[in-house]
Protein backbone atom coordinates (compact mmCIF):
# COMPACT_ATOMS: atom_id res chain seq x y z
CA MET A 1 14.56 -42.13 63.31
CA ARG A 2 17.92 -41.92 61.59
CA ILE A 3 19.50 -40.72 64.79
CA GLU A 4 17.92 -43.54 66.79
CA LYS A 5 19.27 -46.01 64.24
CA LEU A 6 22.77 -44.50 64.54
CA LYS A 7 22.55 -44.76 68.32
CA ALA A 8 21.56 -48.42 68.13
CA GLU A 9 23.93 -49.53 65.38
CA HIS A 10 27.00 -47.41 66.16
CA HIS A 11 26.57 -46.58 69.87
CA VAL A 12 26.57 -42.86 69.09
CA LYS A 13 26.04 -40.38 71.90
CA VAL A 14 23.88 -37.49 70.72
CA GLU A 15 24.36 -34.02 72.14
CA TRP A 16 22.05 -31.22 71.05
CA VAL A 17 23.87 -27.97 70.37
CA HIS A 18 21.68 -24.97 69.62
CA PHE A 19 22.20 -22.49 66.81
CA PRO A 20 20.96 -18.89 66.53
CA LEU A 21 18.65 -19.26 63.54
CA HIS A 22 17.22 -15.77 62.94
CA PRO A 23 17.91 -14.56 66.52
CA ASP A 24 16.73 -11.06 65.61
CA THR A 25 13.16 -12.27 65.08
CA PRO A 26 10.88 -9.99 67.11
CA ALA A 27 8.56 -11.23 69.87
CA GLU A 28 5.54 -11.19 67.55
CA GLY A 29 7.37 -13.28 64.96
CA ARG A 30 8.07 -12.41 61.36
CA SER A 31 6.36 -13.45 58.18
CA LEU A 32 8.40 -15.66 55.88
CA GLU A 33 7.49 -13.24 53.11
CA ASP A 34 9.31 -10.46 55.00
CA LEU A 35 12.19 -12.74 55.98
CA PHE A 36 12.94 -13.65 52.36
CA ALA A 37 12.06 -10.26 50.83
CA GLY A 38 14.63 -9.13 48.30
CA ARG A 39 16.41 -12.49 48.22
CA LYS A 40 14.78 -13.78 45.04
CA VAL A 41 13.66 -16.93 46.84
CA ASP A 42 10.79 -19.00 45.45
CA ARG A 43 9.18 -19.93 48.78
CA LYS A 44 6.77 -22.43 47.18
CA ALA A 45 9.62 -24.25 45.44
CA MET A 46 11.74 -24.12 48.60
CA HIS A 47 8.85 -25.59 50.62
CA ALA A 48 8.23 -28.32 48.03
CA GLN A 49 11.91 -29.29 48.07
CA MET A 50 12.03 -29.43 51.86
CA LYS A 51 8.74 -31.33 52.04
CA ALA A 52 10.10 -33.92 49.58
CA ARG A 53 13.24 -34.36 51.72
CA MET A 54 11.19 -34.78 54.85
CA ASP A 55 8.79 -37.19 53.17
CA ALA A 56 11.75 -39.27 51.99
CA GLU A 57 12.91 -39.55 55.60
CA GLY A 58 9.43 -40.28 56.92
CA LEU A 59 9.33 -36.97 58.79
CA PRO A 60 6.29 -34.70 58.91
CA TYR A 61 6.57 -31.20 57.51
CA GLY A 62 3.87 -28.55 57.36
CA GLU A 63 3.56 -25.23 55.61
CA ARG A 64 4.45 -22.22 57.72
CA THR A 65 3.91 -18.59 56.92
CA MET A 66 5.71 -17.23 60.00
CA THR A 67 9.00 -17.67 61.78
CA TYR A 68 9.28 -17.21 65.54
CA ASN A 69 12.15 -16.54 67.86
CA SER A 70 13.32 -19.92 69.16
CA ARG A 71 15.55 -18.69 72.00
CA LEU A 72 13.23 -19.77 74.85
CA ALA A 73 12.56 -23.09 73.11
CA GLN A 74 16.31 -23.68 72.99
CA GLU A 75 16.63 -22.91 76.69
CA LEU A 76 13.76 -25.31 77.33
CA GLY A 77 15.58 -27.95 75.27
CA LYS A 78 18.68 -27.53 77.43
CA TRP A 79 16.54 -27.90 80.55
CA ALA A 80 14.85 -31.00 79.12
CA ASP A 81 18.27 -32.57 78.46
CA THR A 82 18.73 -32.61 82.26
CA GLN A 83 15.45 -34.47 82.81
CA SER A 84 14.68 -38.17 82.56
CA GLY A 85 12.88 -38.67 79.24
CA GLY A 86 13.84 -35.16 78.16
CA ASP A 87 14.95 -36.26 74.67
CA ALA A 88 11.28 -36.29 73.65
CA ILE A 89 11.13 -32.50 73.80
CA HIS A 90 13.30 -32.08 70.71
CA ASP A 91 10.94 -33.98 68.40
CA ALA A 92 7.96 -32.29 70.02
CA LEU A 93 9.43 -28.83 69.44
CA PHE A 94 10.22 -29.75 65.82
CA ARG A 95 6.64 -30.90 65.29
CA ALA A 96 5.17 -27.83 66.98
CA TYR A 97 7.20 -25.43 64.85
CA PHE A 98 7.66 -27.14 61.48
CA VAL A 99 4.45 -29.17 61.29
CA ASP A 100 1.86 -27.36 63.38
CA ALA A 101 3.27 -23.83 62.83
CA ARG A 102 2.99 -23.02 66.55
CA ASP A 103 4.62 -19.95 68.07
CA ILE A 104 7.41 -21.56 70.10
CA SER A 105 8.49 -18.18 71.46
CA GLN A 106 5.49 -18.21 73.79
CA PRO A 107 5.94 -19.75 77.27
CA ALA A 108 2.33 -21.05 77.28
CA VAL A 109 2.98 -22.95 74.04
CA LEU A 110 6.24 -24.34 75.42
CA LEU A 111 4.60 -25.45 78.65
CA ASP A 112 1.85 -27.19 76.66
CA ILE A 113 4.55 -29.09 74.76
CA VAL A 114 6.28 -30.02 78.03
CA GLU A 115 3.01 -31.39 79.40
CA ARG A 116 2.37 -33.40 76.21
CA VAL A 117 5.73 -35.17 76.47
CA GLY A 118 5.24 -35.90 80.16
CA LEU A 119 7.87 -33.64 81.69
CA SER A 120 7.39 -31.47 84.77
CA VAL A 121 5.45 -28.35 83.84
CA ASP A 122 6.43 -26.70 87.13
CA GLY A 123 10.12 -27.48 86.53
CA ALA A 124 9.93 -26.14 82.99
CA ARG A 125 8.09 -23.00 84.09
CA GLU A 126 10.78 -22.29 86.69
CA ALA A 127 13.58 -22.83 84.14
CA LEU A 128 11.89 -20.48 81.67
CA GLU A 129 11.03 -17.79 84.23
CA THR A 130 14.50 -17.74 85.80
CA ARG A 131 16.26 -18.29 82.44
CA THR A 132 18.35 -20.97 84.15
CA PHE A 133 19.75 -22.28 80.84
CA GLN A 134 20.45 -18.92 79.20
CA ALA A 135 24.22 -19.26 79.67
CA ALA A 136 24.17 -22.83 78.33
CA VAL A 137 22.45 -21.67 75.14
CA ASP A 138 24.89 -18.75 74.87
CA ALA A 139 27.72 -21.32 75.03
CA ASP A 140 26.01 -23.41 72.33
CA TRP A 141 25.70 -20.36 70.07
CA GLU A 142 29.40 -19.62 70.54
CA LEU A 143 30.31 -23.25 69.78
CA SER A 144 28.13 -23.12 66.66
CA ARG A 145 30.00 -20.01 65.51
CA ARG A 146 33.38 -21.67 66.13
CA TYR A 147 32.29 -24.73 64.12
CA GLY A 148 31.09 -22.46 61.31
CA VAL A 149 27.50 -23.72 61.47
CA THR A 150 25.34 -21.87 58.96
CA GLY A 151 22.14 -23.92 58.99
CA VAL A 152 20.16 -26.58 60.73
CA PRO A 153 20.40 -29.39 61.15
CA THR A 154 24.17 -29.70 61.20
CA PHE A 155 25.66 -33.02 62.24
CA VAL A 156 29.19 -33.06 63.66
CA ALA A 157 31.28 -36.10 64.56
CA GLY A 158 34.96 -35.86 65.28
CA ARG A 159 36.44 -33.15 63.09
CA SER A 160 33.87 -33.38 60.29
CA GLY A 161 30.30 -32.33 59.73
CA VAL A 162 27.43 -32.28 57.26
CA VAL A 163 24.64 -29.73 56.92
CA GLY A 164 20.99 -30.32 56.16
CA ALA A 165 18.61 -33.25 56.13
CA GLN A 166 21.00 -36.01 55.13
CA PRO A 167 20.26 -39.60 54.17
CA TYR A 168 21.14 -42.21 56.77
CA GLU A 169 24.12 -43.38 54.72
CA ALA A 170 25.73 -39.92 54.84
CA LEU A 171 25.35 -39.79 58.63
CA GLU A 172 26.68 -43.32 58.97
CA GLU A 173 29.74 -42.37 56.88
CA LEU A 174 30.29 -39.31 59.10
CA VAL A 175 30.26 -41.54 62.20
CA ARG A 176 32.61 -44.08 60.60
CA GLU A 177 35.01 -41.31 59.56
CA ALA A 178 35.03 -39.92 63.10
CA ALA A 179 35.73 -43.39 64.53
CA THR A 180 38.62 -43.81 62.09
CA GLN A 181 40.05 -40.42 63.12
CA GLU A 182 39.71 -41.40 66.78
CA ASP A 183 41.41 -44.76 66.24
CA GLY A 184 44.28 -43.04 64.43
CA GLU A 185 44.93 -40.76 67.42
CA GLU A 186 45.51 -43.56 69.90
């Protein structure tokens, strides 16, 4: 919603760059309890804070107990970016993972999501089976490391960035700052 508004009002081109969030998560997933063990994290408070942020932005947010390896979902996202109407996959993957607590590491789950957004299930299956977009995601991970990305979402425009669910005004300021930097270079 905020991104769509930025696109409309500031003619922003959005490019999804993937980030290795917990890439060591095993195939069966990992409980959030295990993930945060020993970190003195109050998961209930953390969830309440995130839910409040999402509610403020009009975004849905569920309560998960597990984290899953998102590598194949990221490869699917790269594939979808090459398809007409492929932008829809990103919101659908967000909803599947953060709202419905689905295991997005599973090809069957990913193909169900593809079908729901109206993309080619056969095309997606081929991309997942042949790992066609593996190198593209590897390049994204490397770019994320070079930018110093430590969390998602991270928004980058020009030479600046902001991390986390930001209010529209913060994203708009980021875009304006990048435009000013660009104008100064000409």
